[in-house]
Amino acid sequence: MNLSLRPDRIFESSRPRRRLHAAAVAAALAGIALLPFWLSAKGAPQVTEALSFELNKLPVDHQGPQVIDLRVKLTYVVGIGAKQYPDFESVYREIAATIKAYPNETDYWEVFNKAICHDVLGRYPVVAAVETELRVHPTFSIPYSHASHCAVTR
């Protein structure tokens, strides 16, 4: 066996050579290019907070005597402080008062529902969005329930 070092044999090994495919090289380079994006995307998680409640079987005098259910979802602003949350019972009472004092008894339910959303959003600056579902119970003249959905954001 000849142990002399030949320059053409210094980097040879007994294993067969593997060639990198152009697609593999491109994928590796693309991964390296996106590395800063991946690192920045793993920052602090975004927190979205919301409160939901319902006003059930609320009698109203809108388009005649009716009974409604109102589901409310309040989404708070990002970074709301611990002492900034509104008391949901007072929000509940204010919505009920707004419904009872609503001036136009002939408005469509969608208009009525949108007015409720705008009223809540106007009263509470820590609320970023208000979503409601206003469900009207069946009556003798309209024997089926129907609902209006509304979402208002800042």
Protein backbone atom coordinates (compact mmCIF):
# COMPACT_ATOMS: atom_id res chain seq x y z
CA MET A 1 0.00 0.00 0.00
CA ASN A 2 1.37 3.33 -1.02
CA LEU A 3 1.02 5.92 1.78
CA SER A 4 2.35 8.82 -0.16
CA LEU A 5 0.15 11.88 -0.12
CA ARG A 6 -1.04 12.80 -3.50
CA PRO A 7 -2.74 16.18 -3.83
CA ASP A 8 -5.55 14.75 -5.94
CA ARG A 9 -6.40 12.13 -3.27
CA ILE A 10 -6.29 14.17 -0.07
CA PHE A 11 -10.05 14.75 0.17
CA GLU A 12 -11.23 11.46 -1.20
CA SER A 13 -13.07 9.02 1.01
CA SER A 14 -14.29 5.51 0.58
CA ARG A 15 -17.93 6.69 0.58
CA PRO A 16 -19.56 7.66 -2.69
CA ARG A 17 -20.06 11.37 -3.27
CA ARG A 18 -23.52 12.88 -2.98
CA ARG A 19 -24.52 15.82 -5.07
CA LEU A 20 -26.85 18.47 -3.76
CA HIS A 21 -29.82 19.07 -5.95
CA ALA A 22 -30.46 22.66 -6.97
CA ALA A 23 -33.90 22.52 -5.29
CA ALA A 24 -32.35 21.52 -1.95
CA VAL A 25 -29.84 24.34 -2.14
CA ALA A 26 -32.59 26.84 -3.00
CA ALA A 27 -34.74 25.64 -0.10
CA ALA A 28 -31.85 25.93 2.35
CA LEU A 29 -31.05 29.44 1.17
CA ALA A 30 -34.71 30.45 1.39
CA GLY A 31 -34.83 29.17 4.98
CA ILE A 32 -31.80 31.20 5.89
CA ALA A 33 -33.31 34.29 4.25
CA LEU A 34 -36.50 33.90 6.32
CA LEU A 35 -34.68 33.36 9.61
CA PRO A 36 -35.06 36.98 10.82
CA PHE A 37 -38.82 36.78 10.17
CA TRP A 38 -39.15 33.53 12.12
CA LEU A 39 -37.21 34.95 15.04
CA SER A 40 -39.33 38.12 15.19
CA ALA A 41 -42.59 36.17 14.86
CA LYS A 42 -41.87 34.36 18.12
CA GLY A 43 -42.21 37.50 20.23
CA ALA A 44 -44.72 38.08 23.01
CA PRO A 45 -48.14 36.53 22.31
CA GLN A 46 -51.04 38.81 21.41
CA VAL A 47 -53.84 38.71 23.97
CA THR A 48 -57.44 39.39 23.02
CA GLU A 49 -59.94 39.61 25.88
CA ALA A 50 -63.70 39.64 25.67
CA LEU A 51 -66.72 39.35 27.94
CA SER A 52 -70.03 37.83 26.91
CA PHE A 53 -73.41 37.94 28.60
CA GLU A 54 -77.09 37.62 27.74
CA LEU A 55 -80.28 39.48 28.45
CA ASN A 56 -82.92 36.76 28.21
CA LYS A 57 -86.69 37.04 27.78
CA LEU A 58 -86.64 40.82 27.96
CA PRO A 59 -90.09 42.33 27.25
CA VAL A 60 -89.94 45.31 24.89
CA ASP A 61 -92.46 47.55 23.20
CA HIS A 62 -90.88 47.66 19.77
CA GLN A 63 -93.00 46.86 16.73
CA GLY A 64 -95.70 45.98 19.24
CA PRO A 65 -95.19 43.99 22.44
CA GLN A 66 -92.29 41.58 21.90
CA VAL A 67 -89.94 39.37 23.88
CA ILE A 68 -86.26 39.40 22.94
CA ASP A 69 -83.00 37.74 23.89
CA LEU A 70 -79.84 39.78 23.45
CA ARG A 71 -76.39 38.19 23.43
CA VAL A 72 -73.58 40.71 23.90
CA LYS A 73 -69.85 40.28 23.41
CA LEU A 74 -67.52 43.09 24.45
CA THR A 75 -63.94 42.86 23.14
CA TYR A 76 -61.52 44.98 25.14
CA VAL A 77 -58.65 47.09 23.82
CA VAL A 78 -55.22 45.45 23.79
CA GLY A 79 -53.32 46.18 26.98
CA ILE A 80 -56.33 47.06 29.16
CA GLY A 81 -55.29 47.70 32.76
CA ALA A 82 -56.48 45.59 35.68
CA LYS A 83 -58.63 48.43 37.05
CA GLN A 84 -60.06 49.52 33.69
CA TYR A 85 -62.53 46.69 33.10
CA PRO A 86 -66.12 47.92 33.15
CA ASP A 87 -68.51 46.37 35.65
CA PHE A 88 -70.58 44.09 33.47
CA GLU A 89 -73.67 44.45 35.68
CA SER A 90 -73.76 48.20 35.02
CA VAL A 91 -73.25 47.52 31.29
CA TYR A 92 -76.15 45.06 31.50
CA ARG A 93 -78.38 47.64 33.24
CA GLU A 94 -77.44 50.40 30.77
CA ILE A 95 -78.26 48.19 27.79
CA ALA A 96 -81.61 47.25 29.33
CA ALA A 97 -82.36 50.95 29.96
CA THR A 98 -81.36 51.85 26.39
CA ILE A 99 -83.67 49.16 25.02
CA LYS A 100 -86.62 50.37 27.12
CA ALA A 101 -86.04 54.03 26.28
CA TYR A 102 -85.45 53.52 22.55
CA PRO A 103 -87.36 56.36 20.88
CA ASN A 104 -88.49 54.85 17.56
CA GLU A 105 -90.78 51.85 17.96
CA THR A 106 -91.05 51.24 14.21
CA ASP A 107 -87.36 50.93 13.31
CA TYR A 108 -86.26 47.65 11.82
CA TRP A 109 -84.68 45.25 14.29
CA GLU A 110 -81.32 45.68 12.54
CA VAL A 111 -81.41 49.47 13.12
CA PHE A 112 -82.45 48.92 16.74
CA ASN A 113 -79.61 46.42 17.26
CA LYS A 114 -77.01 48.70 15.64
CA ALA A 115 -78.10 51.57 17.90
CA ILE A 116 -77.49 49.37 20.96
CA CYS A 117 -73.96 48.53 19.72
CA HIS A 118 -73.10 52.18 19.04
CA ASP A 119 -74.44 53.22 22.45
CA VAL A 120 -72.24 50.67 24.28
CA LEU A 121 -69.17 51.56 22.21
CA GLY A 122 -69.72 55.26 22.92
CA ARG A 123 -69.97 54.76 26.70
CA TYR A 124 -66.89 52.58 27.19
CA PRO A 125 -63.55 53.67 25.69
CA VAL A 126 -61.88 50.41 26.84
CA VAL A 127 -64.21 48.42 24.57
CA ALA A 128 -62.70 47.94 21.12
CA ALA A 129 -65.65 46.04 19.61
CA VAL A 130 -69.25 45.15 20.40
CA GLU A 131 -71.00 42.15 18.87
CA THR A 132 -74.66 41.38 19.44
CA GLU A 133 -77.27 38.88 18.46
CA LEU A 134 -80.80 40.14 19.01
CA ARG A 135 -83.30 37.28 18.82
CA VAL A 136 -87.01 38.07 18.65
CA HIS A 137 -89.34 35.39 20.04
CA PRO A 138 -92.34 34.22 18.00
CA THR A 139 -95.67 36.00 18.37
CA PHE A 140 -99.20 35.22 17.21
CA SER A 141 -98.71 37.32 14.07
CA ILE A 142 -95.16 36.08 13.37
CA PRO A 143 -94.98 32.41 14.45
CA TYR A 144 -91.21 32.03 14.15
CA SER A 145 -88.19 33.55 15.83
CA HIS A 146 -85.75 35.72 13.92
CA ALA A 147 -82.45 37.36 14.76
CA SER A 148 -80.33 40.39 13.92
CA HIS A 149 -76.54 40.23 14.19
CA CYS A 150 -74.36 43.32 14.52
CA ALA A 151 -70.66 43.97 15.07
CA VAL A 152 -69.25 47.47 15.57
CA THR A 153 -65.55 48.18 16.09
CA ARG A 154 -63.49 51.28 16.74
